[in-house]
Amino acid sequence: MGLWLRSYLSGSQQEQFLAVLLDARSRPFHVIHAAKGSLTQVDVHPRELFRDAVRFAAHSIILAHNHPSGSAEPSDADVDLTLRMMDVGMLMGIPVIDHLVVTDSDIASMRALGLVILP
């Protein structure tokens, strides 16, 4: 999935926020393009993201967005947004299992970095 995300977001000069919907076997089956932002930020509201996740009956989701700056290091705002989305996901019964920060040459997993801890 990482290679696909890099190729999909490669060369974008604006931050874009995606959600990869997973089935009960953790297989991706649909991608939601939730928001498009500026060079340094993207605003996404849980309502827009989870509306489609519910409509497509997602079992769980992986969040992803790009950093046009080239640094895959998650910002404090990225971590805050992830935690907020995780809270909403738990309430909705659609857990967020990771948030990937994508650049043209790298991908950082907040879960692998210990920034996202599943309950």
N, C-alpha and C. Protein backbone atom coordinates (compact mmCIF):
# COMPACT_ATOMS: atom_id res chain seq x y z
N MET A 1 0.83 -1.19 0.00
CA MET A 1 0.00 0.00 0.00
C MET A 1 0.87 1.25 0.00
N GLY A 2 2.03 1.18 0.68
CA GLY A 2 2.90 2.34 0.77
C GLY A 2 3.35 2.85 -0.58
N LEU A 3 3.71 1.93 -1.47
CA LEU A 3 4.14 2.34 -2.80
C LEU A 3 3.01 3.01 -3.57
N TRP A 4 1.81 2.46 -3.43
CA TRP A 4 0.66 3.06 -4.11
C TRP A 4 0.42 4.47 -3.58
N LEU A 5 0.46 4.65 -2.27
CA LEU A 5 0.25 5.97 -1.69
C LEU A 5 1.29 6.96 -2.18
N ARG A 6 2.55 6.54 -2.21
CA ARG A 6 3.60 7.43 -2.69
C ARG A 6 3.38 7.82 -4.14
N SER A 7 3.01 6.86 -4.98
CA SER A 7 2.79 7.19 -6.39
C SER A 7 1.55 8.06 -6.57
N TYR A 8 0.52 7.84 -5.75
CA TYR A 8 -0.72 8.63 -5.85
C TYR A 8 -0.48 10.08 -5.43
N LEU A 9 0.30 10.29 -4.38
CA LEU A 9 0.52 11.62 -3.83
C LEU A 9 1.79 12.30 -4.35
N SER A 10 2.58 11.59 -5.10
CA SER A 10 3.87 12.09 -5.59
C SER A 10 3.70 13.38 -6.40
N GLY A 11 4.56 14.33 -6.11
CA GLY A 11 4.59 15.58 -6.87
C GLY A 11 3.53 16.59 -6.48
N SER A 12 2.64 16.25 -5.56
CA SER A 12 1.61 17.20 -5.16
C SER A 12 2.23 18.36 -4.38
N GLN A 13 1.86 19.57 -4.73
CA GLN A 13 2.37 20.76 -4.05
C GLN A 13 1.47 21.20 -2.91
N GLN A 14 0.40 20.46 -2.68
CA GLN A 14 -0.53 20.74 -1.59
C GLN A 14 -0.69 19.48 -0.75
N GLU A 15 -0.92 19.68 0.55
CA GLU A 15 -1.21 18.52 1.39
C GLU A 15 -2.57 17.96 1.01
N GLN A 16 -2.64 16.64 0.94
CA GLN A 16 -3.88 15.95 0.66
C GLN A 16 -4.08 14.88 1.72
N PHE A 17 -5.32 14.70 2.14
CA PHE A 17 -5.65 13.79 3.22
C PHE A 17 -6.53 12.67 2.68
N LEU A 18 -6.09 11.44 2.89
CA LEU A 18 -6.81 10.27 2.42
C LEU A 18 -7.16 9.35 3.58
N ALA A 19 -8.17 8.54 3.37
CA ALA A 19 -8.48 7.45 4.29
C ALA A 19 -8.61 6.18 3.46
N VAL A 20 -7.86 5.17 3.83
CA VAL A 20 -7.94 3.87 3.17
C VAL A 20 -8.89 3.01 4.00
N LEU A 21 -9.98 2.60 3.38
CA LEU A 21 -10.98 1.78 4.08
C LEU A 21 -10.57 0.32 4.00
N LEU A 22 -10.67 -0.37 5.13
CA LEU A 22 -10.27 -1.77 5.22
C LEU A 22 -11.48 -2.65 5.54
N ASP A 23 -11.46 -3.86 5.00
CA ASP A 23 -12.52 -4.81 5.33
C ASP A 23 -12.15 -5.57 6.60
N ALA A 24 -12.95 -6.56 6.96
CA ALA A 24 -12.74 -7.30 8.21
C ALA A 24 -11.44 -8.10 8.22
N ARG A 25 -10.84 -8.32 7.06
CA ARG A 25 -9.56 -9.03 6.98
C ARG A 25 -8.39 -8.04 6.80
N SER A 26 -8.67 -6.78 7.07
CA SER A 26 -7.67 -5.69 6.96
C SER A 26 -7.15 -5.51 5.54
N ARG A 27 -7.99 -5.80 4.55
CA ARG A 27 -7.64 -5.59 3.15
C ARG A 27 -8.24 -4.27 2.68
N PRO A 28 -7.44 -3.43 2.01
CA PRO A 28 -7.99 -2.17 1.50
C PRO A 28 -9.00 -2.44 0.39
N PHE A 29 -10.12 -1.68 0.43
CA PHE A 29 -11.12 -1.85 -0.62
C PHE A 29 -11.63 -0.53 -1.19
N HIS A 30 -11.29 0.57 -0.57
CA HIS A 30 -11.74 1.87 -1.09
C HIS A 30 -10.87 2.97 -0.47
N VAL A 31 -10.65 4.03 -1.24
CA VAL A 31 -9.90 5.18 -0.75
C VAL A 31 -10.79 6.41 -0.80
N ILE A 32 -10.82 7.14 0.30
CA ILE A 32 -11.56 8.40 0.38
C ILE A 32 -10.56 9.54 0.29
N HIS A 33 -10.76 10.43 -0.65
CA HIS A 33 -9.95 11.65 -0.72
C HIS A 33 -10.71 12.69 0.10
N ALA A 34 -10.34 12.82 1.37
CA ALA A 34 -11.14 13.59 2.32
C ALA A 34 -10.92 15.09 2.25
N ALA A 35 -9.71 15.54 1.91
CA ALA A 35 -9.46 16.99 1.91
C ALA A 35 -8.19 17.31 1.14
N LYS A 36 -8.15 18.54 0.65
CA LYS A 36 -6.98 19.10 -0.01
C LYS A 36 -6.67 20.42 0.68
N GLY A 37 -5.42 20.63 1.02
CA GLY A 37 -5.06 21.81 1.79
C GLY A 37 -4.07 22.70 1.08
N SER A 38 -3.21 23.31 1.88
CA SER A 38 -2.20 24.22 1.36
C SER A 38 -0.84 23.52 1.35
N LEU A 39 0.20 24.28 1.15
CA LEU A 39 1.55 23.74 1.13
C LEU A 39 1.93 23.12 2.47
N THR A 40 1.40 23.67 3.58
CA THR A 40 1.86 23.24 4.89
C THR A 40 0.78 22.64 5.80
N GLN A 41 -0.46 22.62 5.37
CA GLN A 41 -1.50 22.06 6.25
C GLN A 41 -2.72 21.65 5.46
N VAL A 42 -3.49 20.76 6.07
CA VAL A 42 -4.76 20.34 5.51
C VAL A 42 -5.73 20.19 6.67
N ASP A 43 -6.92 20.72 6.50
CA ASP A 43 -7.95 20.61 7.53
C ASP A 43 -8.97 19.58 7.08
N VAL A 44 -9.24 18.64 7.94
CA VAL A 44 -10.25 17.63 7.65
C VAL A 44 -11.11 17.46 8.89
N HIS A 45 -12.39 17.36 8.68
CA HIS A 45 -13.33 17.20 9.79
C HIS A 45 -13.75 15.74 9.86
N PRO A 46 -13.86 15.18 11.06
CA PRO A 46 -14.28 13.78 11.19
C PRO A 46 -15.59 13.47 10.48
N ARG A 47 -16.48 14.43 10.42
CA ARG A 47 -17.79 14.20 9.79
C ARG A 47 -17.62 13.77 8.33
N GLU A 48 -16.76 14.48 7.59
CA GLU A 48 -16.56 14.14 6.18
C GLU A 48 -15.89 12.78 6.02
N LEU A 49 -14.93 12.52 6.87
CA LEU A 49 -14.18 11.27 6.77
C LEU A 49 -15.04 10.06 7.12
N PHE A 50 -15.73 10.13 8.24
CA PHE A 50 -16.48 8.96 8.70
C PHE A 50 -17.82 8.79 8.00
N ARG A 51 -18.34 9.83 7.36
CA ARG A 51 -19.58 9.67 6.58
C ARG A 51 -19.38 8.60 5.52
N ASP A 52 -18.29 8.70 4.77
CA ASP A 52 -18.04 7.71 3.71
C ASP A 52 -17.60 6.37 4.29
N ALA A 53 -16.88 6.37 5.39
CA ALA A 53 -16.48 5.11 6.01
C ALA A 53 -17.71 4.31 6.44
N VAL A 54 -18.72 5.00 6.97
CA VAL A 54 -19.97 4.33 7.36
C VAL A 54 -20.72 3.89 6.10
N ARG A 55 -20.80 4.75 5.12
CA ARG A 55 -21.54 4.43 3.88
C ARG A 55 -20.98 3.19 3.19
N PHE A 56 -19.65 3.03 3.21
CA PHE A 56 -19.02 1.89 2.57
C PHE A 56 -18.81 0.71 3.53
N ALA A 57 -19.33 0.82 4.75
CA ALA A 57 -19.27 -0.25 5.76
C ALA A 57 -17.83 -0.69 6.03
N ALA A 58 -16.95 0.27 6.25
CA ALA A 58 -15.56 -0.04 6.56
C ALA A 58 -15.46 -0.71 7.93
N HIS A 59 -14.57 -1.66 8.04
CA HIS A 59 -14.30 -2.31 9.32
C HIS A 59 -13.32 -1.47 10.14
N SER A 60 -12.33 -0.90 9.45
CA SER A 60 -11.33 -0.03 10.08
C SER A 60 -10.73 0.83 8.98
N ILE A 61 -9.91 1.82 9.37
CA ILE A 61 -9.31 2.71 8.37
C ILE A 61 -7.85 3.01 8.72
N ILE A 62 -7.13 3.34 7.67
CA ILE A 62 -5.78 3.88 7.80
C ILE A 62 -5.81 5.27 7.20
N LEU A 63 -5.36 6.25 7.97
CA LEU A 63 -5.28 7.62 7.48
C LEU A 63 -3.94 7.83 6.78
N ALA A 64 -3.91 8.74 5.83
CA ALA A 64 -2.67 9.06 5.15
C ALA A 64 -2.74 10.49 4.63
N HIS A 65 -1.63 11.18 4.72
CA HIS A 65 -1.53 12.48 4.07
C HIS A 65 -0.08 12.72 3.67
N ASN A 66 0.10 13.62 2.74
CA ASN A 66 1.44 13.89 2.24
C ASN A 66 2.02 15.14 2.87
N HIS A 67 3.35 15.22 2.85
CA HIS A 67 4.09 16.40 3.25
C HIS A 67 4.90 16.86 2.04
N PRO A 68 4.42 17.88 1.32
CA PRO A 68 5.17 18.36 0.16
C PRO A 68 6.58 18.86 0.50
N SER A 69 6.81 19.18 1.77
CA SER A 69 8.12 19.67 2.19
C SER A 69 9.22 18.61 2.05
N GLY A 70 8.82 17.34 1.98
CA GLY A 70 9.79 16.27 1.86
C GLY A 70 10.15 15.59 3.17
N SER A 71 9.71 16.14 4.30
CA SER A 71 9.97 15.54 5.60
C SER A 71 8.78 14.69 6.02
N ALA A 72 9.04 13.41 6.28
CA ALA A 72 7.96 12.51 6.69
C ALA A 72 7.69 12.55 8.19
N GLU A 73 8.40 13.38 8.91
CA GLU A 73 8.20 13.46 10.36
C GLU A 73 6.84 14.08 10.67
N PRO A 74 6.00 13.36 11.46
CA PRO A 74 4.69 13.90 11.81
C PRO A 74 4.83 15.15 12.69
N SER A 75 4.00 16.14 12.40
CA SER A 75 3.98 17.36 13.22
C SER A 75 3.09 17.15 14.43
N ASP A 76 3.17 18.09 15.37
CA ASP A 76 2.27 18.02 16.53
C ASP A 76 0.82 18.09 16.09
N ALA A 77 0.53 18.90 15.06
CA ALA A 77 -0.84 19.00 14.54
C ALA A 77 -1.28 17.67 13.93
N ASP A 78 -0.37 16.97 13.26
CA ASP A 78 -0.69 15.66 12.69
C ASP A 78 -1.07 14.67 13.80
N VAL A 79 -0.30 14.67 14.87
CA VAL A 79 -0.57 13.76 15.99
C VAL A 79 -1.91 14.13 16.64
N ASP A 80 -2.16 15.41 16.87
CA ASP A 80 -3.43 15.84 17.48
C ASP A 80 -4.62 15.41 16.62
N LEU A 81 -4.52 15.63 15.31
CA LEU A 81 -5.60 15.23 14.40
C LEU A 81 -5.81 13.73 14.44
N THR A 82 -4.74 12.98 14.46
CA THR A 82 -4.84 11.52 14.52
C THR A 82 -5.55 11.06 15.78
N LEU A 83 -5.18 11.62 16.92
CA LEU A 83 -5.82 11.23 18.18
C LEU A 83 -7.30 11.58 18.18
N ARG A 84 -7.64 12.73 17.60
CA ARG A 84 -9.06 13.11 17.50
C ARG A 84 -9.82 12.13 16.61
N MET A 85 -9.22 11.78 15.46
CA MET A 85 -9.86 10.82 14.55
C MET A 85 -9.98 9.44 15.21
N MET A 86 -8.98 9.06 16.00
CA MET A 86 -9.05 7.78 16.70
C MET A 86 -10.20 7.75 17.70
N ASP A 87 -10.39 8.86 18.41
CA ASP A 87 -11.50 8.94 19.37
C ASP A 87 -12.84 8.79 18.65
N VAL A 88 -13.00 9.51 17.55
CA VAL A 88 -14.24 9.43 16.77
C VAL A 88 -14.42 8.02 16.22
N GLY A 89 -13.35 7.45 15.70
CA GLY A 89 -13.43 6.10 15.15
C GLY A 89 -13.88 5.08 16.18
N MET A 90 -13.37 5.20 17.40
CA MET A 90 -13.79 4.26 18.45
C MET A 90 -15.28 4.43 18.76
N LEU A 91 -15.75 5.66 18.80
CA LEU A 91 -17.18 5.90 19.05
C LEU A 91 -18.05 5.36 17.91
N MET A 92 -17.54 5.45 16.68
CA MET A 92 -18.29 5.01 15.51
C MET A 92 -18.17 3.51 15.27
N GLY A 93 -17.23 2.86 15.96
CA GLY A 93 -17.01 1.44 15.72
C GLY A 93 -16.17 1.16 14.49
N ILE A 94 -15.41 2.18 14.04
CA ILE A 94 -14.52 2.05 12.89
C ILE A 94 -13.15 2.53 13.34
N PRO A 95 -12.35 1.66 13.92
CA PRO A 95 -11.08 2.11 14.48
C PRO A 95 -10.08 2.59 13.43
N VAL A 96 -9.34 3.62 13.81
CA VAL A 96 -8.21 4.11 13.02
C VAL A 96 -7.00 3.31 13.48
N ILE A 97 -6.39 2.55 12.57
CA ILE A 97 -5.30 1.68 13.00
C ILE A 97 -3.91 2.26 12.72
N ASP A 98 -3.84 3.31 11.90
CA ASP A 98 -2.55 3.97 11.66
C ASP A 98 -2.79 5.26 10.91
N HIS A 99 -1.77 6.10 10.92
CA HIS A 99 -1.76 7.33 10.12
C HIS A 99 -0.38 7.40 9.48
N LEU A 100 -0.36 7.42 8.16
CA LEU A 100 0.88 7.44 7.41
C LEU A 100 1.15 8.84 6.88
N VAL A 101 2.38 9.30 7.05
CA VAL A 101 2.81 10.57 6.47
C VAL A 101 3.70 10.22 5.29
N VAL A 102 3.32 10.70 4.11
CA VAL A 102 3.93 10.28 2.86
C VAL A 102 4.68 11.44 2.22
N THR A 103 5.90 11.15 1.75
CA THR A 103 6.64 12.09 0.91
C THR A 103 6.99 11.37 -0.39
N ASP A 104 7.63 12.08 -1.30
CA ASP A 104 8.01 11.45 -2.57
C ASP A 104 9.00 10.30 -2.37
N SER A 105 9.74 10.31 -1.25
CA SER A 105 10.76 9.30 -1.06
C SER A 105 10.66 8.50 0.24
N ASP A 106 9.68 8.80 1.08
CA ASP A 106 9.61 8.16 2.39
C ASP A 106 8.17 8.06 2.88
N ILE A 107 7.95 7.16 3.82
CA ILE A 107 6.66 7.03 4.49
C ILE A 107 6.93 6.81 5.98
N ALA A 108 6.26 7.58 6.83
CA ALA A 108 6.37 7.40 8.27
C ALA A 108 5.03 6.90 8.80
N SER A 109 5.08 5.85 9.59
CA SER A 109 3.90 5.29 10.23
C SER A 109 3.86 5.79 11.67
N MET A 110 2.80 6.49 12.03
CA MET A 110 2.68 6.97 13.41
C MET A 110 2.58 5.81 14.38
N ARG A 111 2.01 4.71 13.95
CA ARG A 111 1.92 3.52 14.81
C ARG A 111 3.32 2.96 15.06
N ALA A 112 4.13 2.83 14.01
CA ALA A 112 5.49 2.31 14.16
C ALA A 112 6.36 3.23 15.00
N LEU A 113 6.09 4.55 14.94
CA LEU A 113 6.83 5.51 15.73
C LEU A 113 6.37 5.57 17.18
N GLY A 114 5.30 4.84 17.52
CA GLY A 114 4.79 4.83 18.88
C GLY A 114 3.89 6.02 19.19
N LEU A 115 3.49 6.78 18.16
CA LEU A 115 2.62 7.94 18.37
C LEU A 115 1.15 7.56 18.37
N VAL A 116 0.83 6.41 17.81
CA VAL A 116 -0.54 5.89 17.76
C VAL A 116 -0.50 4.54 18.46
N ILE A 117 -1.22 4.43 19.55
CA ILE A 117 -1.27 3.18 20.30
C ILE A 117 -2.70 2.69 20.28
N LEU A 118 -2.87 1.48 19.76
CA LEU A 118 -4.21 0.91 19.69
C LEU A 118 -4.66 0.44 21.05
N PRO A 119 -5.95 0.63 21.35
CA PRO A 119 -6.48 0.16 22.64
C PRO A 119 -6.47 -1.35 22.76
